[in-house]
Amino acid sequence: YGTGVVIAGNRILTNAHVIDNSVQLQVRKVGSDKKYPAEVAFISDERDLALVNVIDPEFFSDTQVIELGTLPILGDEVTTYGFPIGGKQLAITRGIVSRIDYDYYAHSGYPNLVCQIDAAINPGASGGPAIVNGKLAGLNFQGLNQADNVGYIIPVPVIESFLTDVLDKKVDGVPEIAFIVQSMENEQLRKRYGLQEKDGGVLIPRLSGLETERGLLKVGDVVVSMDGQSVSNDGTVSFATADRIDSNILIARRQVGETLPLGIIRDGKRMDINFPLSYTL
């Protein structure tokens, strides 16, 4: 079991791991003992998100949708709602947004944008809303067992990406580029590939067979920019928090079928590529 939140269109937004592999699905509202049959509309395991439809529209007769907010900022006060272990009633916890990062989702094993909060996130609270300034800032989805008061929410940009993905009534998933990159903080390595002192960039030492066949990128290319942002020698880009974040976030926030502008240095010469994002993780 888990938690969900009603969003526009009479849909329930929750985590994929809450409803994944369910044989029978029922939902109930806080304060009601009536359970309504429901069905999974869309599921994105990579993003650990799902949309649930309730078969009987009566379920939504006295509900209000929650409005999506924006990516919170560090220090924002956040309130979470859910049904975690320890009791049967709705539980409310409160804390602050303590970190915004690019990290692994336990359900899928793939990384994406996360917000760390110091409010407790325990089993059963998954899929519940995290509220900042009266709007949805994200969904509760995992905690860190080895530390005290370290919980994580899936922030609004990832939710919006999921909702955009399903506009065509199917889930395409999170796009990916199948290459390995190596940091270029070593001065001799930078000289070997023609980088100046002011240049950033990461080296491509290996490509998948698919990327090799496409011929757009080559082993030895240095990626110096993504989506118009300069990539540093450690593979990070500037981010909204005023800190730096893994440059792969610029791929994850795109949709399959879009193109991603890449700036590369090949054999000492700068090249620009509009890279098609045609497959997923």
Protein backbone atom coordinates (compact mmCIF):
# COMPACT_ATOMS: atom_id res chain seq x y z
CA TYR A 1 0.00 0.00 0.00
CA GLY A 2 1.00 3.59 -0.34
CA THR A 3 -0.23 7.13 -0.86
CA GLY A 4 -1.36 9.23 -3.83
CA VAL A 5 -2.45 12.75 -4.62
CA VAL A 6 -5.25 14.03 -6.88
CA ILE A 7 -4.06 16.21 -9.75
CA ALA A 8 -5.81 17.90 -12.68
CA GLY A 9 -7.91 15.68 -14.92
CA ASN A 10 -9.29 13.53 -12.11
CA ARG A 11 -6.09 11.51 -11.93
CA ILE A 12 -4.17 10.15 -8.97
CA LEU A 13 -0.42 10.63 -9.09
CA THR A 14 1.68 8.14 -7.12
CA ASN A 15 4.94 6.20 -7.28
CA ALA A 16 5.47 3.36 -9.72
CA HIS A 17 6.73 1.13 -6.91
CA VAL A 18 3.44 1.60 -5.03
CA ILE A 19 1.32 0.00 -7.76
CA ASP A 20 3.87 -2.00 -9.78
CA ASN A 21 2.81 -5.64 -10.26
CA SER A 22 -0.53 -5.02 -8.55
CA VAL A 23 -3.22 -7.62 -9.28
CA GLN A 24 -6.08 -5.64 -7.75
CA LEU A 25 -6.02 -1.91 -7.09
CA GLN A 26 -8.30 -0.01 -4.71
CA VAL A 27 -8.18 3.55 -3.42
CA ARG A 28 -9.87 5.38 -0.59
CA LYS A 29 -9.99 9.00 0.53
CA VAL A 30 -8.92 10.26 3.94
CA GLY A 31 -11.95 10.17 6.21
CA SER A 32 -13.85 7.59 4.16
CA ASP A 33 -14.16 3.84 4.64
CA LYS A 34 -15.29 3.24 1.05
CA LYS A 35 -12.80 1.67 -1.31
CA TYR A 36 -13.08 2.35 -5.05
CA PRO A 37 -11.73 0.07 -7.80
CA ALA A 38 -8.95 1.73 -9.76
CA GLU A 39 -6.64 0.95 -12.66
CA VAL A 40 -3.17 1.97 -13.71
CA ALA A 41 -3.27 4.43 -16.60
CA PHE A 42 0.45 5.03 -17.12
CA ILE A 43 3.60 3.91 -15.36
CA SER A 44 7.19 5.15 -15.79
CA ASP A 45 9.53 2.89 -13.84
CA GLU A 46 12.55 5.04 -14.69
CA ARG A 47 10.97 8.06 -13.02
CA ASP A 48 9.20 5.94 -10.36
CA LEU A 49 5.91 7.66 -11.23
CA ALA A 50 2.46 6.41 -12.16
CA LEU A 51 -1.01 7.74 -12.94
CA VAL A 52 -4.07 5.93 -11.63
CA ASN A 53 -7.64 6.23 -12.88
CA VAL A 54 -10.59 5.60 -10.58
CA ILE A 55 -13.36 3.72 -12.37
CA ASP A 56 -16.24 5.39 -10.48
CA PRO A 57 -16.18 9.21 -10.99
CA GLU A 58 -18.02 9.61 -7.68
CA PHE A 59 -14.64 9.26 -5.98
CA PHE A 60 -13.75 12.81 -7.08
CA SER A 61 -17.07 14.42 -6.07
CA ASP A 62 -15.70 16.18 -2.98
CA THR A 63 -12.00 16.37 -3.80
CA GLN A 64 -9.82 19.27 -4.87
CA VAL A 65 -6.84 18.95 -7.16
CA ILE A 66 -3.46 20.14 -5.98
CA GLU A 67 -1.58 22.61 -8.12
CA LEU A 68 1.95 21.81 -9.23
CA GLY A 69 4.54 24.23 -7.95
CA THR A 70 8.12 24.68 -9.10
CA LEU A 71 11.49 23.29 -8.09
CA PRO A 72 11.94 24.35 -4.45
CA ILE A 73 15.03 26.14 -3.23
CA LEU A 74 17.36 25.13 -0.44
CA GLY A 75 15.90 25.94 2.95
CA ASP A 76 12.25 25.94 1.83
CA GLU A 77 9.92 24.53 4.48
CA VAL A 78 8.24 21.35 3.26
CA THR A 79 5.29 19.41 4.68
CA THR A 80 4.73 15.79 3.69
CA TYR A 81 1.57 13.69 3.91
CA GLY A 82 1.20 9.94 3.76
CA PHE A 83 0.35 6.66 5.44
CA PRO A 84 3.72 5.37 6.70
CA ILE A 85 4.28 2.38 8.97
CA GLY A 86 3.64 2.98 12.66
CA GLY A 87 -0.14 3.50 12.48
CA LYS A 88 -3.19 3.59 10.22
CA GLN A 89 -4.02 7.29 10.23
CA LEU A 90 -2.77 10.01 7.92
CA ALA A 91 0.66 11.19 9.08
CA ILE A 92 2.15 14.65 8.56
CA THR A 93 5.84 15.46 8.83
CA ARG A 94 7.64 18.73 8.35
CA GLY A 95 11.16 19.74 7.50
CA ILE A 96 13.23 21.71 5.02
CA VAL A 97 14.69 21.10 1.58
CA SER A 98 18.28 20.34 2.47
CA ARG A 99 19.79 19.30 -0.88
CA ILE A 100 18.97 19.19 -4.59
CA ASP A 101 20.96 16.63 -6.52
CA TYR A 102 21.15 14.13 -9.37
CA ASP A 103 21.02 10.70 -7.76
CA TYR A 104 19.82 7.12 -8.15
CA TYR A 105 16.19 6.08 -7.78
CA ALA A 106 15.98 2.88 -5.73
CA HIS A 107 13.06 1.48 -7.76
CA SER A 108 14.70 1.66 -11.17
CA GLY A 109 18.39 1.98 -10.40
CA TYR A 110 18.61 4.97 -12.75
CA PRO A 111 19.55 8.52 -11.72
CA ASN A 112 17.44 11.64 -12.05
CA LEU A 113 16.76 14.88 -10.21
CA VAL A 114 15.99 14.50 -6.48
CA CYS A 115 15.29 16.79 -3.54
CA GLN A 116 16.58 15.70 -0.16
CA ILE A 117 14.51 16.72 2.86
CA ASP A 118 15.00 16.22 6.57
CA ALA A 119 11.40 15.12 7.16
CA ALA A 120 10.99 11.39 7.72
CA ILE A 121 9.99 9.32 4.65
CA ASN A 122 9.06 5.77 5.69
CA PRO A 123 7.44 2.84 3.83
CA GLY A 124 3.79 3.61 3.14
CA ALA A 125 4.40 7.34 2.73
CA SER A 126 5.59 6.76 -0.83
CA GLY A 127 3.51 8.63 -3.39
CA GLY A 128 2.29 11.20 -0.89
CA PRO A 129 2.58 14.92 -1.57
CA ALA A 130 5.39 17.14 -0.38
CA ILE A 131 3.98 20.66 -0.12
CA VAL A 132 5.92 23.92 -0.33
CA ASN A 133 4.02 27.24 -0.13
CA GLY A 134 0.69 25.48 -0.64
CA LYS A 135 1.67 23.76 -3.89
CA LEU A 136 3.01 20.36 -4.84
CA ALA A 137 6.81 20.40 -4.71
CA GLY A 138 7.21 16.67 -5.26
CA LEU A 139 6.25 13.13 -4.26
CA ASN A 140 7.72 11.23 -1.31
CA PHE A 141 9.54 8.20 -2.67
CA GLN A 142 12.51 6.94 -0.67
CA GLY A 143 14.64 7.35 2.42
CA LEU A 144 18.21 6.60 3.45
CA ASN A 145 18.35 3.91 6.12
CA GLN A 146 21.97 4.54 7.09
CA ALA A 147 21.30 8.14 8.17
CA ASP A 148 18.90 10.03 10.38
CA ASN A 149 16.16 12.18 8.84
CA VAL A 150 17.27 11.82 5.24
CA GLY A 151 14.30 11.47 2.90
CA TYR A 152 13.86 12.15 -0.79
CA ILE A 153 11.10 13.51 -3.01
CA ILE A 154 10.69 13.38 -6.77
CA PRO A 155 10.56 17.09 -7.64
CA VAL A 156 8.09 18.83 -9.94
CA PRO A 157 10.39 19.02 -13.03
CA VAL A 158 10.49 15.19 -13.14
CA ILE A 159 6.71 15.01 -12.61
CA GLU A 160 6.14 17.52 -15.41
CA SER A 161 8.42 15.53 -17.69
CA PHE A 162 6.31 12.43 -16.98
CA LEU A 163 3.02 14.24 -17.61
CA THR A 164 4.39 15.61 -20.90
CA ASP A 165 5.57 12.14 -21.88
CA VAL A 166 2.07 10.65 -21.58
CA LEU A 167 0.26 13.36 -23.55
CA ASP A 168 0.34 11.04 -26.57
CA LYS A 169 -1.23 8.26 -24.45
CA LYS A 170 1.96 6.22 -24.19
CA VAL A 171 5.09 6.21 -22.06
CA ASP A 172 8.34 6.68 -23.97
CA GLY A 173 10.56 6.91 -20.90
CA VAL A 174 13.70 8.89 -20.13
CA PRO A 175 16.05 9.47 -23.09
CA GLU A 176 19.69 8.47 -22.97
CA ILE A 177 22.94 8.72 -24.91
CA ALA A 178 24.87 5.46 -24.74
CA PHE A 179 28.39 6.71 -24.09
CA ILE A 180 30.89 6.59 -21.26
CA VAL A 181 32.61 9.83 -20.27
CA GLN A 182 35.84 10.43 -18.41
CA SER A 183 36.73 13.55 -16.45
CA MET A 184 39.56 15.68 -17.83
CA GLU A 185 41.01 17.36 -14.78
CA ASN A 186 44.44 15.91 -15.62
CA GLU A 187 46.56 18.57 -17.33
CA GLN A 188 48.42 16.15 -19.63
CA LEU A 189 45.16 14.57 -20.78
CA ARG A 190 43.76 17.99 -21.58
CA LYS A 191 46.80 18.89 -23.66
CA ARG A 192 46.60 15.56 -25.50
CA TYR A 193 43.11 16.42 -26.75
CA GLY A 194 43.73 20.07 -27.57
CA LEU A 195 41.96 21.76 -24.66
CA GLN A 196 43.03 25.20 -23.55
CA GLU A 197 43.37 26.13 -19.89
CA LYS A 198 39.98 27.88 -19.93
CA ASP A 199 38.20 24.97 -21.65
CA GLY A 200 36.06 22.45 -19.83
CA GLY A 201 34.89 19.14 -21.21
CA VAL A 202 34.73 15.39 -20.70
CA LEU A 203 36.32 12.70 -22.86
CA ILE A 204 34.38 9.90 -24.59
CA PRO A 205 36.59 6.79 -24.16
CA ARG A 206 33.89 4.30 -25.14
CA LEU A 207 30.67 4.16 -27.17
CA SER A 208 27.96 1.51 -27.39
CA GLY A 209 27.64 -0.43 -30.62
CA LEU A 210 24.49 1.53 -31.44
CA GLU A 211 26.25 4.88 -31.10
CA THR A 212 29.18 3.60 -33.15
CA GLU A 213 26.80 2.63 -35.95
CA ARG A 214 25.07 6.02 -35.89
CA GLY A 215 28.43 7.73 -36.43
CA LEU A 216 27.52 11.02 -34.75
CA LEU A 217 30.01 10.66 -31.93
CA LYS A 218 33.44 9.03 -31.92
CA VAL A 219 35.81 7.68 -29.32
CA GLY A 220 38.18 10.54 -28.49
CA ASP A 221 35.56 13.27 -28.83
CA VAL A 222 35.48 15.79 -25.99
CA VAL A 223 32.03 17.03 -24.99
CA VAL A 224 32.41 20.69 -24.05
CA SER A 225 28.77 21.78 -23.95
CA MET A 226 25.27 20.34 -23.63
CA ASP A 227 22.06 22.19 -24.38
CA GLY A 228 24.02 25.45 -24.57
CA GLN A 229 25.65 24.99 -21.16
CA SER A 230 29.39 24.58 -20.70
CA VAL A 231 30.42 21.20 -19.29
CA SER A 232 33.26 21.37 -16.78
CA ASN A 233 36.21 18.99 -16.53
CA ASP A 234 34.40 16.96 -13.86
CA GLY A 235 31.28 16.51 -15.99
CA THR A 236 29.05 19.00 -14.17
CA VAL A 237 27.03 22.03 -15.29
CA SER A 238 25.68 25.08 -13.48
CA PHE A 239 22.32 24.52 -11.81
CA ALA A 240 19.46 26.46 -10.27
CA THR A 241 20.85 25.97 -6.76
CA ALA A 242 23.89 28.07 -7.73
CA ASP A 243 25.96 24.91 -7.28
CA ARG A 244 26.88 22.37 -9.97
CA ILE A 245 25.15 19.14 -10.95
CA ASP A 246 25.85 16.13 -13.18
CA SER A 247 25.46 17.16 -16.82
CA ASN A 248 23.31 14.08 -17.53
CA ILE A 249 20.42 16.02 -15.98
CA LEU A 250 20.26 17.95 -19.27
CA ILE A 251 19.50 14.68 -21.08
CA ALA A 252 17.03 13.39 -18.48
CA ARG A 253 14.87 16.50 -18.65
CA ARG A 254 14.32 16.07 -22.41
CA GLN A 255 11.75 13.89 -24.17
CA VAL A 256 12.40 10.96 -26.49
CA GLY A 257 12.28 12.28 -30.06
CA GLU A 258 13.77 15.67 -29.21
CA THR A 259 17.29 16.75 -30.11
CA LEU A 260 20.00 17.83 -27.71
CA PRO A 261 22.60 20.39 -28.87
CA LEU A 262 26.10 19.09 -28.16
CA GLY A 263 29.37 20.97 -28.58
CA ILE A 264 32.39 18.71 -29.06
CA ILE A 265 36.06 19.00 -29.85
CA ARG A 266 37.28 16.40 -32.37
CA ASP A 267 40.91 16.32 -33.48
CA GLY A 268 41.36 19.79 -32.00
CA LYS A 269 38.42 21.32 -33.88
CA ARG A 270 35.12 22.53 -32.41
CA MET A 271 31.94 20.94 -33.82
CA ASP A 272 28.24 21.35 -33.02
CA ILE A 273 25.79 18.45 -33.24
CA ASN A 274 22.03 18.35 -32.82
CA PHE A 275 21.92 14.92 -31.26
CA PRO A 276 18.61 12.99 -31.68
CA LEU A 277 17.38 11.40 -28.45
CA SER A 278 15.79 8.34 -30.01
CA TYR A 279 15.96 5.69 -27.29
CA THR A 280 15.57 5.36 -23.54
CA LEU A 281 17.37 4.07 -20.50
